[in-house]
PDB file of N, CA and C in Angstrom:
ATOM      1  N   MET A   1     -55.124  32.612  -5.770  1.00  0.00           N
ATOM      2  CA  MET A   1     -56.042  31.773  -5.024  1.00  0.00           C
ATOM      3  C   MET A   1     -56.754  30.836  -6.002  1.00  0.00           C
ATOM      4  N   ASN A   2     -56.886  29.592  -5.616  1.00  0.00           N
ATOM      5  CA  ASN A   2     -57.545  28.578  -6.427  1.00  0.00           C
ATOM      6  C   ASN A   2     -59.002  28.448  -5.966  1.00  0.00           C
ATOM      7  N   ILE A   3     -59.956  28.722  -6.850  1.00  0.00           N
ATOM      8  CA  ILE A   3     -61.374  28.633  -6.512  1.00  0.00           C
ATOM      9  C   ILE A   3     -61.987  27.458  -7.255  1.00  0.00           C
ATOM     10  N   ASN A   4     -62.561  26.526  -6.499  1.00  0.00           N
ATOM     11  CA  ASN A   4     -63.190  25.342  -7.065  1.00  0.00           C
ATOM     12  C   ASN A   4     -64.690  25.415  -6.800  1.00  0.00           C
ATOM     13  N   ILE A   5     -65.495  25.425  -7.856  1.00  0.00           N
ATOM     14  CA  ILE A   5     -66.947  25.545  -7.708  1.00  0.00           C
ATOM     15  C   ILE A   5     -67.619  24.265  -8.168  1.00  0.00           C
ATOM     16  N   GLN A   6     -68.483  23.716  -7.302  1.00  0.00           N
ATOM     17  CA  GLN A   6     -69.248  22.507  -7.627  1.00  0.00           C
ATOM     18  C   GLN A   6     -70.726  22.830  -7.523  1.00  0.00           C
ATOM     19  N   SER A   7     -71.500  22.313  -8.449  1.00  0.00           N
ATOM     20  CA  SER A   7     -72.957  22.417  -8.328  1.00  0.00           C
ATOM     21  C   SER A   7     -73.504  20.997  -8.339  1.00  0.00           C
ATOM     22  N   VAL A   8     -74.247  20.651  -7.300  1.00  0.00           N
ATOM     23  CA  VAL A   8     -74.737  19.292  -7.112  1.00  0.00           C
ATOM     24  C   VAL A   8     -76.105  19.136  -7.787  1.00  0.00           C
ATOM     25  N   HIS A   9     -76.214  18.201  -8.702  1.00  0.00           N
ATOM     26  CA  HIS A   9     -77.441  17.834  -9.415  1.00  0.00           C
ATOM     27  C   HIS A   9     -77.993  18.925 -10.335  1.00  0.00           C
ATOM     28  N   PHE A  10     -77.159  19.890 -10.718  1.00  0.00           N
ATOM     29  CA  PHE A  10     -77.542  20.866 -11.735  1.00  0.00           C
ATOM     30  C   PHE A  10     -76.269  21.533 -12.241  1.00  0.00           C
ATOM     31  N   ASP A  11     -76.371  22.227 -13.363  1.00  0.00           N
ATOM     32  CA  ASP A  11     -75.229  22.945 -13.927  1.00  0.00           C
ATOM     33  C   ASP A  11     -75.375  24.427 -13.618  1.00  0.00           C
ATOM     34  N   ALA A  12     -74.389  24.975 -12.907  1.00  0.00           N
ATOM     35  CA  ALA A  12     -74.405  26.409 -12.602  1.00  0.00           C
ATOM     36  C   ALA A  12     -74.098  27.190 -13.874  1.00  0.00           C
ATOM     37  N   ASP A  13     -74.829  28.274 -14.092  1.00  0.00           N
ATOM     38  CA  ASP A  13     -74.566  29.066 -15.297  1.00  0.00           C
ATOM     39  C   ASP A  13     -73.340  29.961 -15.101  1.00  0.00           C
ATOM     40  N   ARG A  14     -72.843  30.472 -16.206  1.00  0.00           N
ATOM     41  CA  ARG A  14     -71.609  31.252 -16.205  1.00  0.00           C
ATOM     42  C   ARG A  14     -71.736  32.496 -15.338  1.00  0.00           C
ATOM     43  N   LYS A  15     -72.922  33.150 -15.354  1.00  0.00           N
ATOM     44  CA  LYS A  15     -73.136  34.356 -14.556  1.00  0.00           C
ATOM     45  C   LYS A  15     -72.943  34.077 -13.067  1.00  0.00           C
ATOM     46  N   LEU A  16     -73.503  32.968 -12.590  1.00  0.00           N
ATOM     47  CA  LEU A  16     -73.382  32.607 -11.180  1.00  0.00           C
ATOM     48  C   LEU A  16     -71.926  32.330 -10.818  1.00  0.00           C
ATOM     49  N   ILE A  17     -71.217  31.648 -11.680  1.00  0.00           N
ATOM     50  CA  ILE A  17     -69.808  31.329 -11.424  1.00  0.00           C
ATOM     51  C   ILE A  17     -68.963  32.605 -11.388  1.00  0.00           C
ATOM     52  N   GLU A  18     -69.188  33.509 -12.350  1.00  0.00           N
ATOM     53  CA  GLU A  18     -68.442  34.770 -12.374  1.00  0.00           C
ATOM     54  C   GLU A  18     -68.754  35.617 -11.144  1.00  0.00           C
ATOM     55  N   PHE A  19     -70.035  35.677 -10.776  1.00  0.00           N
ATOM     56  CA  PHE A  19     -70.465  36.432  -9.594  1.00  0.00           C
ATOM     57  C   PHE A  19     -69.763  35.901  -8.343  1.00  0.00           C
ATOM     58  N   THR A  20     -69.746  34.580  -8.205  1.00  0.00           N
ATOM     59  CA  THR A  20     -69.134  33.933  -7.044  1.00  0.00           C
ATOM     60  C   THR A  20     -67.630  34.195  -7.004  1.00  0.00           C
ATOM     61  N   ASN A  21     -66.965  34.067  -8.140  1.00  0.00           N
ATOM     62  CA  ASN A  21     -65.515  34.318  -8.203  1.00  0.00           C
ATOM     63  C   ASN A  21     -65.180  35.737  -7.760  1.00  0.00           C
ATOM     64  N   LYS A  22     -65.943  36.727  -8.249  1.00  0.00           N
ATOM     65  CA  LYS A  22     -65.686  38.122  -7.891  1.00  0.00           C
ATOM     66  C   LYS A  22     -65.851  38.324  -6.385  1.00  0.00           C
ATOM     67  N   LYS A  23     -66.912  37.761  -5.828  1.00  0.00           N
ATOM     68  CA  LYS A  23     -67.176  37.925  -4.391  1.00  0.00           C
ATOM     69  C   LYS A  23     -66.057  37.307  -3.554  1.00  0.00           C
ATOM     70  N   ILE A  24     -65.603  36.127  -3.949  1.00  0.00           N
ATOM     71  CA  ILE A  24     -64.559  35.440  -3.170  1.00  0.00           C
ATOM     72  C   ILE A  24     -63.231  36.174  -3.297  1.00  0.00           C
ATOM     73  N   GLU A  25     -62.921  36.662  -4.492  1.00  0.00           N
ATOM     74  CA  GLU A  25     -61.660  37.388  -4.681  1.00  0.00           C
ATOM     75  C   GLU A  25     -61.602  38.648  -3.815  1.00  0.00           C
ATOM     76  N   LYS A  26     -62.750  39.266  -3.548  1.00  0.00           N
ATOM     77  CA  LYS A  26     -62.794  40.459  -2.698  1.00  0.00           C
ATOM     78  C   LYS A  26     -62.426  40.133  -1.250  1.00  0.00           C
ATOM     79  N   LEU A  27     -62.554  38.873  -0.859  1.00  0.00           N
ATOM     80  CA  LEU A  27     -62.210  38.483   0.514  1.00  0.00           C
ATOM     81  C   LEU A  27     -60.719  38.641   0.791  1.00  0.00           C
ATOM     82  N   GLU A  28     -59.910  38.673  -0.264  1.00  0.00           N
ATOM     83  CA  GLU A  28     -58.465  38.834  -0.074  1.00  0.00           C
ATOM     84  C   GLU A  28     -58.117  40.195   0.523  1.00  0.00           C
ATOM     85  N   LYS A  29     -59.028  41.158   0.448  1.00  0.00           N
ATOM     86  CA  LYS A  29     -58.810  42.455   1.092  1.00  0.00           C
ATOM     87  C   LYS A  29     -58.772  42.292   2.615  1.00  0.00           C
ATOM     88  N   PHE A  30     -59.531  41.316   3.116  1.00  0.00           N
ATOM     89  CA  PHE A  30     -59.641  41.117   4.558  1.00  0.00           C
ATOM     90  C   PHE A  30     -58.550  40.207   5.107  1.00  0.00           C
ATOM     91  N   TYR A  31     -58.083  39.295   4.266  1.00  0.00           N
ATOM     92  CA  TYR A  31     -57.050  38.347   4.699  1.00  0.00           C
ATOM     93  C   TYR A  31     -56.295  37.904   3.450  1.00  0.00           C
ATOM     94  N   ASP A  32     -55.003  38.240   3.372  1.00  0.00           N
ATOM     95  CA  ASP A  32     -54.276  38.010   2.122  1.00  0.00           C
ATOM     96  C   ASP A  32     -53.555  36.658   2.043  1.00  0.00           C
ATOM     97  N   HIS A  33     -53.789  35.760   2.991  1.00  0.00           N
ATOM     98  CA  HIS A  33     -53.141  34.442   2.958  1.00  0.00           C
ATOM     99  C   HIS A  33     -54.117  33.323   2.599  1.00  0.00           C
ATOM    100  N   ILE A  34     -55.168  33.648   1.855  1.00  0.00           N
ATOM    101  CA  ILE A  34     -56.137  32.627   1.454  1.00  0.00           C
ATOM    102  C   ILE A  34     -55.505  31.769   0.361  1.00  0.00           C
ATOM    103  N   VAL A  35     -55.441  30.460   0.601  1.00  0.00           N
ATOM    104  CA  VAL A  35     -54.829  29.537  -0.345  1.00  0.00           C
ATOM    105  C   VAL A  35     -55.829  29.149  -1.437  1.00  0.00           C
ATOM    106  N   GLY A  36     -57.058  28.834  -1.025  1.00  0.00           N
ATOM    107  CA  GLY A  36     -58.060  28.401  -1.995  1.00  0.00           C
ATOM    108  C   GLY A  36     -59.452  28.477  -1.417  1.00  0.00           C
ATOM    109  N   ALA A  37     -60.437  28.228  -2.269  1.00  0.00           N
ATOM    110  CA  ALA A  37     -61.836  28.244  -1.849  1.00  0.00           C
ATOM    111  C   ALA A  37     -62.568  27.079  -2.495  1.00  0.00           C
ATOM    112  N   GLN A  38     -63.353  26.385  -1.697  1.00  0.00           N
ATOM    113  CA  GLN A  38     -64.208  25.303  -2.182  1.00  0.00           C
ATOM    114  C   GLN A  38     -65.652  25.779  -2.065  1.00  0.00           C
ATOM    115  N   VAL A  39     -66.340  25.888  -3.191  1.00  0.00           N
ATOM    116  CA  VAL A  39     -67.714  26.380  -3.206  1.00  0.00           C
ATOM    117  C   VAL A  39     -68.624  25.242  -3.642  1.00  0.00           C
ATOM    118  N   THR A  40     -69.723  25.052  -2.921  1.00  0.00           N
ATOM    119  CA  THR A  40     -70.699  24.033  -3.297  1.00  0.00           C
ATOM    120  C   THR A  40     -72.083  24.665  -3.358  1.00  0.00           C
ATOM    121  N   PHE A  41     -72.763  24.469  -4.469  1.00  0.00           N
ATOM    122  CA  PHE A  41     -74.149  24.907  -4.623  1.00  0.00           C
ATOM    123  C   PHE A  41     -75.032  23.670  -4.644  1.00  0.00           C
ATOM    124  N   ARG A  42     -76.119  23.734  -3.856  1.00  0.00           N
ATOM    125  CA  ARG A  42     -77.056  22.608  -3.805  1.00  0.00           C
ATOM    126  C   ARG A  42     -78.486  23.121  -3.786  1.00  0.00           C
ATOM    127  N   LEU A  43     -79.388  22.312  -4.287  1.00  0.00           N
ATOM    128  CA  LEU A  43     -80.815  22.592  -4.189  1.00  0.00           C
ATOM    129  C   LEU A  43     -81.384  21.705  -3.086  1.00  0.00           C
ATOM    130  N   ASP A  44     -82.054  22.328  -2.127  1.00  0.00           N
ATOM    131  CA  ASP A  44     -82.693  21.577  -1.056  1.00  0.00           C
ATOM    132  C   ASP A  44     -84.014  21.031  -1.593  1.00  0.00           C
ATOM    133  N   LYS A  45     -84.423  19.878  -1.104  1.00  0.00           N
ATOM    134  CA  LYS A  45     -85.648  19.263  -1.605  1.00  0.00           C
ATOM    135  C   LYS A  45     -86.896  19.751  -0.869  1.00  0.00           C
ATOM    136  N   SER A  46     -86.754  20.813  -0.085  1.00  0.00           N
ATOM    137  CA  SER A  46     -87.914  21.324   0.651  1.00  0.00           C
ATOM    138  C   SER A  46     -88.868  22.028  -0.307  1.00  0.00           C
ATOM    139  N   SER A  47     -90.097  22.217   0.127  1.00  0.00           N
ATOM    140  CA  SER A  47     -91.100  22.849  -0.724  1.00  0.00           C
ATOM    141  C   SER A  47     -91.096  24.374  -0.582  1.00  0.00           C
ATOM    142  N   THR A  48     -90.266  24.914   0.289  1.00  0.00           N
ATOM    143  CA  THR A  48     -90.217  26.364   0.463  1.00  0.00           C
ATOM    144  C   THR A  48     -89.416  27.011  -0.658  1.00  0.00           C
ATOM    145  N   GLU A  49     -89.544  28.335  -0.767  1.00  0.00           N
ATOM    146  CA  GLU A  49     -88.794  29.064  -1.791  1.00  0.00           C
ATOM    147  C   GLU A  49     -87.313  29.128  -1.444  1.00  0.00           C
ATOM    148  N   ASP A  50     -87.002  29.108  -0.147  1.00  0.00           N
ATOM    149  CA  ASP A  50     -85.606  29.186   0.298  1.00  0.00           C
ATOM    150  C   ASP A  50     -84.939  27.824   0.176  1.00  0.00           C
ATOM    151  N   ASN A  51     -84.741  27.372  -1.061  1.00  0.00           N
ATOM    152  CA  ASN A  51     -84.204  26.024  -1.246  1.00  0.00           C
ATOM    153  C   ASN A  51     -82.836  26.006  -1.909  1.00  0.00           C
ATOM    154  N   LYS A  52     -82.190  27.168  -2.029  1.00  0.00           N
ATOM    155  CA  LYS A  52     -80.867  27.240  -2.659  1.00  0.00           C
ATOM    156  C   LYS A  52     -79.803  27.370  -1.571  1.00  0.00           C
ATOM    157  N   ILE A  53     -78.863  26.445  -1.565  1.00  0.00           N
ATOM    158  CA  ILE A  53     -77.836  26.406  -0.525  1.00  0.00           C
ATOM    159  C   ILE A  53     -76.469  26.692  -1.135  1.00  0.00           C
ATOM    160  N   ALA A  54     -75.741  27.613  -0.507  1.00  0.00           N
ATOM    161  CA  ALA A  54     -74.362  27.911  -0.912  1.00  0.00           C
ATOM    162  C   ALA A  54     -73.461  27.652   0.281  1.00  0.00           C
ATOM    163  N   GLU A  55     -72.395  26.897   0.055  1.00  0.00           N
ATOM    164  CA  GLU A  55     -71.398  26.615   1.094  1.00  0.00           C
ATOM    165  C   GLU A  55     -70.039  27.040   0.558  1.00  0.00           C
ATOM    166  N   ILE A  56     -69.263  27.728   1.398  1.00  0.00           N
ATOM    167  CA  ILE A  56     -67.909  28.115   0.993  1.00  0.00           C
ATOM    168  C   ILE A  56     -66.942  27.778   2.121  1.00  0.00           C
ATOM    169  N   ARG A  57     -65.883  27.046   1.768  1.00  0.00           N
ATOM    170  CA  ARG A  57     -64.797  26.748   2.704  1.00  0.00           C
ATOM    171  C   ARG A  57     -63.541  27.421   2.166  1.00  0.00           C
ATOM    172  N   LEU A  58     -62.988  28.330   2.967  1.00  0.00           N
ATOM    173  CA  LEU A  58     -61.752  29.009   2.578  1.00  0.00           C
ATOM    174  C   LEU A  58     -60.579  28.293   3.222  1.00  0.00           C
ATOM    175  N   GLU A  59     -59.607  27.946   2.407  1.00  0.00           N
ATOM    176  CA  GLU A  59     -58.402  27.290   2.909  1.00  0.00           C
ATOM    177  C   GLU A  59     -57.398  28.367   3.276  1.00  0.00           C
ATOM    178  N   ILE A  60     -57.105  28.445   4.584  1.00  0.00           N
ATOM    179  CA  ILE A  60     -56.124  29.409   5.065  1.00  0.00           C
ATOM    180  C   ILE A  60     -55.145  28.664   5.964  1.00  0.00           C
ATOM    181  N   PRO A  61     -53.931  29.186   6.119  1.00  0.00           N
ATOM    182  CA  PRO A  61     -52.972  28.516   7.001  1.00  0.00           C
ATOM    183  C   PRO A  61     -53.551  28.387   8.412  1.00  0.00           C
ATOM    184  N   GLY A  62     -53.415  27.221   8.998  1.00  0.00           N
ATOM    185  CA  GLY A  62     -54.008  26.966  10.318  1.00  0.00           C
ATOM    186  C   GLY A  62     -55.325  26.252  10.127  1.00  0.00           C
ATOM    187  N   ASN A  63     -56.407  26.897  10.497  1.00  0.00           N
ATOM    188  CA  ASN A  63     -57.736  26.308  10.354  1.00  0.00           C
ATOM    189  C   ASN A  63     -58.476  26.928   9.182  1.00  0.00           C
ATOM    190  N   ASP A  64     -59.216  26.098   8.449  1.00  0.00           N
ATOM    191  CA  ASP A  64     -60.062  26.619   7.378  1.00  0.00           C
ATOM    192  C   ASP A  64     -61.261  27.328   7.999  1.00  0.00           C
ATOM    193  N   VAL A  65     -61.854  28.264   7.245  1.00  0.00           N
ATOM    194  CA  VAL A  65     -63.101  28.896   7.691  1.00  0.00           C
ATOM    195  C   VAL A  65     -64.207  28.457   6.752  1.00  0.00           C
ATOM    196  N   PHE A  66     -65.413  28.303   7.310  1.00  0.00           N
ATOM    197  CA  PHE A  66     -66.524  27.726   6.563  1.00  0.00           C
ATOM    198  C   PHE A  66     -67.805  28.476   6.894  1.00  0.00           C
ATOM    199  N   ALA A  67     -68.637  28.668   5.878  1.00  0.00           N
ATOM    200  CA  ALA A  67     -69.956  29.249   6.092  1.00  0.00           C
ATOM    201  C   ALA A  67     -70.934  28.640   5.092  1.00  0.00           C
ATOM    202  N   LYS A  68     -72.206  28.578   5.523  1.00  0.00           N
ATOM    203  CA  LYS A  68     -73.252  27.968   4.702  1.00  0.00           C
ATOM    204  C   LYS A  68     -74.530  28.770   4.912  1.00  0.00           C
ATOM    205  N   ARG A  69     -75.233  29.071   3.825  1.00  0.00           N
ATOM    206  CA  ARG A  69     -76.494  29.797   3.918  1.00  0.00           C
ATOM    207  C   ARG A  69     -77.503  29.205   2.943  1.00  0.00           C
ATOM    208  N   GLN A  70     -78.776  29.346   3.307  1.00  0.00           N
ATOM    209  CA  GLN A  70     -79.869  28.863   2.469  1.00  0.00           C
ATOM    210  C   GLN A  70     -80.804  30.039   2.197  1.00  0.00           C
ATOM    211  N   CYS A  71     -81.033  30.349   0.916  1.00  0.00           N
ATOM    212  CA  CYS A  71     -81.827  31.526   0.530  1.00  0.00           C
ATOM    213  C   CYS A  71     -82.687  31.220  -0.691  1.00  0.00           C
ATOM    214  N   LYS A  72     -83.388  32.276  -1.159  1.00  0.00           N
ATOM    215  CA  LYS A  72     -84.236  32.136  -2.349  1.00  0.00           C
ATOM    216  C   LYS A  72     -83.417  32.037  -3.627  1.00  0.00           C
ATOM    217  N   THR A  73     -82.264  32.731  -3.670  1.00  0.00           N
ATOM    218  CA  THR A  73     -81.410  32.676  -4.859  1.00  0.00           C
ATOM    219  C   THR A  73     -79.987  32.335  -4.445  1.00  0.00           C
ATOM    220  N   PHE A  74     -79.230  31.786  -5.379  1.00  0.00           N
ATOM    221  CA  PHE A  74     -77.832  31.467  -5.089  1.00  0.00           C
ATOM    222  C   PHE A  74     -77.025  32.738  -4.851  1.00  0.00           C
ATOM    223  N   GLU A  75     -77.356  33.802  -5.608  1.00  0.00           N
ATOM    224  CA  GLU A  75     -76.623  35.061  -5.437  1.00  0.00           C
ATOM    225  C   GLU A  75     -76.804  35.616  -4.032  1.00  0.00           C
ATOM    226  N   GLU A  76     -78.031  35.581  -3.530  1.00  0.00           N
ATOM    227  CA  GLU A  76     -78.307  36.055  -2.174  1.00  0.00           C
ATOM    228  C   GLU A  76     -77.560  35.199  -1.152  1.00  0.00           C
ATOM    229  N   ALA A  77     -77.553  33.891  -1.371  1.00  0.00           N
ATOM    230  CA  ALA A  77     -76.847  32.980  -0.460  1.00  0.00           C
ATOM    231  C   ALA A  77     -75.346  33.262  -0.480  1.00  0.00           C
ATOM    232  N   VAL A  78     -74.770  33.502  -1.664  1.00  0.00           N
ATOM    233  CA  VAL A  78     -73.342  33.804  -1.769  1.00  0.00           C
ATOM    234  C   VAL A  78     -73.028  35.102  -1.027  1.00  0.00           C
ATOM    235  N   ASP A  79     -73.874  36.130  -1.211  1.00  0.00           N
ATOM    236  CA  ASP A  79     -73.679  37.404  -0.499  1.00  0.00           C
ATOM    237  C   ASP A  79     -73.622  37.183   1.013  1.00  0.00           C
ATOM    238  N   GLN A  80     -74.566  36.420   1.528  1.00  0.00           N
ATOM    239  CA  GLN A  80     -74.624  36.182   2.971  1.00  0.00           C
ATOM    240  C   GLN A  80     -73.438  35.350   3.460  1.00  0.00           C
ATOM    241  N   VAL A  81     -73.035  34.362   2.677  1.00  0.00           N
ATOM    242  CA  VAL A  81     -71.882  33.534   3.049  1.00  0.00           C
ATOM    243  C   VAL A  81     -70.613  34.381   3.073  1.00  0.00           C
ATOM    244  N   VAL A  82     -70.435  35.212   2.054  1.00  0.00           N
ATOM    245  CA  VAL A  82     -69.247  36.063   1.991  1.00  0.00           C
ATOM    246  C   VAL A  82     -69.216  37.029   3.181  1.00  0.00           C
ATOM    247  N   ASP A  83     -70.371  37.589   3.547  1.00  0.00           N
ATOM    248  CA  ASP A  83     -70.430  38.473   4.721  1.00  0.00           C
ATOM    249  C   ASP A  83     -70.016  37.716   5.985  1.00  0.00           C
ATOM    250  N   ALA A  84     -70.497  36.492   6.140  1.00  0.00           N
ATOM    251  CA  ALA A  84     -70.136  35.686   7.307  1.00  0.00           C
ATOM    252  C   ALA A  84     -68.639  35.368   7.305  1.00  0.00           C
ATOM    253  N   LEU A  85     -68.091  35.099   6.135  1.00  0.00           N
ATOM    254  CA  LEU A  85     -66.657  34.798   6.037  1.00  0.00           C
ATOM    255  C   LEU A  85     -65.800  36.025   6.339  1.00  0.00           C
ATOM    256  N   LYS A  86     -66.277  37.216   5.954  1.00  0.00           N
ATOM    257  CA  LYS A  86     -65.548  38.453   6.275  1.00  0.00           C
ATOM    258  C   LYS A  86     -65.363  38.563   7.787  1.00  0.00           C
ATOM    259  N   VAL A  87     -66.432  38.295   8.529  1.00  0.00           N
ATOM    260  CA  VAL A  87     -66.377  38.363   9.994  1.00  0.00           C
ATOM    261  C   VAL A  87     -65.377  37.341  10.527  1.00  0.00           C
ATOM    262  N   GLN A  88     -65.451  36.114  10.019  1.00  0.00           N
ATOM    263  CA  GLN A  88     -64.540  35.063  10.477  1.00  0.00           C
ATOM    264  C   GLN A  88     -63.087  35.397  10.156  1.00  0.00           C
ATOM    265  N   LEU A  89     -62.834  35.920   8.964  1.00  0.00           N
ATOM    266  CA  LEU A  89     -61.464  36.267   8.577  1.00  0.00           C
ATOM    267  C   LEU A  89     -60.928  37.408   9.435  1.00  0.00           C
ATOM    268  N   THR A  90     -61.776  38.398   9.718  1.00  0.00           N
ATOM    269  CA  THR A  90     -61.363  39.513  10.561  1.00  0.00           C
ATOM    270  C   THR A  90     -60.994  39.017  11.954  1.00  0.00           C
ATOM    271  N   LYS A  91     -61.816  38.128  12.515  1.00  0.00           N
ATOM    272  CA  LYS A  91     -61.522  37.559  13.840  1.00  0.00           C
ATOM    273  C   LYS A  91     -60.230  36.749  13.816  1.00  0.00           C
ATOM    274  N   HIS A  92     -60.044  35.972  12.755  1.00  0.00           N
ATOM    275  CA  HIS A  92     -58.842  35.144  12.613  1.00  0.00           C
ATOM    276  C   HIS A  92     -57.588  36.027  12.566  1.00  0.00           C
ATOM    277  N   LYS A  93     -57.679  37.116  11.818  1.00  0.00           N
ATOM    278  CA  LYS A  93     -56.562  38.045  11.682  1.00  0.00           C
ATOM    279  C   LYS A  93     -56.239  38.698  13.031  1.00  0.00           C
ATOM    280  N   GLU A  94     -57.292  39.075  13.764  1.00  0.00           N
ATOM    281  CA  GLU A  94     -57.098  39.692  15.085  1.00  0.00           C
ATOM    282  C   GLU A  94     -56.438  38.711  16.059  1.00  0.00           C
ATOM    283  N   LYS A  95     -56.845  37.447  16.002  1.00  0.00           N
ATOM    284  CA  LYS A  95     -56.239  36.428  16.866  1.00  0.00           C
ATOM    285  C   LYS A  95     -54.752  36.287  16.574  1.00  0.00           C
ATOM    286  N   GLN A  96     -54.420  36.286  15.279  1.00  0.00           N
ATOM    287  CA  GLN A  96     -53.002  36.150  14.899  1.00  0.00           C
ATOM    288  C   GLN A  96     -52.177  37.321  15.409  1.00  0.00           C
ATOM    289  N   ARG A  97     -52.732  38.505  15.331  1.00  0.00           N
ATOM    290  CA  ARG A  97     -52.002  39.682  15.813  1.00  0.00           C
ATOM    291  C   ARG A  97     -51.843  39.650  17.313  1.00  0.00           C
ATOM    292  N   GLY A  98     -52.807  39.081  18.010  1.00  0.00           N
ATOM    293  CA  GLY A  98     -52.781  39.022  19.475  1.00  0.00           C
ATOM    294  C   GLY A  98     -51.787  38.010  20.018  1.00  0.00           C
ATOM    295  N   GLU A  99     -51.408  37.043  19.202  1.00  0.00           N
ATOM    296  CA  GLU A  99     -50.502  35.978  19.677  1.00  0.00           C
ATOM    297  C   GLU A  99     -49.060  36.451  19.725  1.00  0.00           C
TER     298      GLU A  99
END
């Protein structure tokens, strides 16, 4: 699987990139036909603490799946996005079996 990570207007540190890669690679347990992942990290300009945004688009045959979360830390946002993607991948897999 090809994982592409972008950080908008800042440089993501190595720990965040490694953490994100590990989390995304675990998604292959739920669906083994993932072609690639596009990850985007952004800082929201709001004054609240929840200003870190993580977006992940998984490229899978058919339709891509996408999730986005805004949290206090990028790690927390990645955790929540990955959980949302697990649900989407499970549903996608069930649909394929039903057809």
